[in-house]
Amino acid sequence: MHAREAFALSLSPHFQIEEEVLLPALESIGEAALAERIRDDHRALRALERDAAATRDRLERFGALLEAHIRYEEREVFEPTQDRLPADAIEAIARACAAARRVD
C-alpha cells in the first residue's frame, strides 16, 4: 500500500473522528491547548501528505511527525484526560471508532 492510500484509508478517518468528537470534548473540560496541538499536528501531516513532491526527506519528516503525534496523544492527552471526559463523549468516540472500523 502506498503512503497516500494508507493516509486516505486510515489516518484521514482517524483525524476526522478526533476533530469532530475528541477535540470538542477536550475543549469542554478546559483542555483547549491540547486540542490545538492536535489540530496543528493534523494540519502539518495533511500538508506533507498533499505535497506533490513526495521525496524521501518529506516521507521521513512525515513519519517522524506522525510518531511524535502518536506519542503526544498517548502520553499527554489520553492518559491524563480519559478520567475527566464526560461519559457521553467517551461513548461518542467509541461509536465513531466502531463505525470507522466497519467501513474498512
Foldseek 3Di string as FASTA:
>chain_A
DDPLVCCVLPVVLVLVLCVVQVQVQCVVLPNNVLSVVLVVLVVVLVVLSPDPPVDPVSVVVSVVSVVVSVVCCVPPNCPVCVVPGDPVSVVSSVVSVVVSVVVD
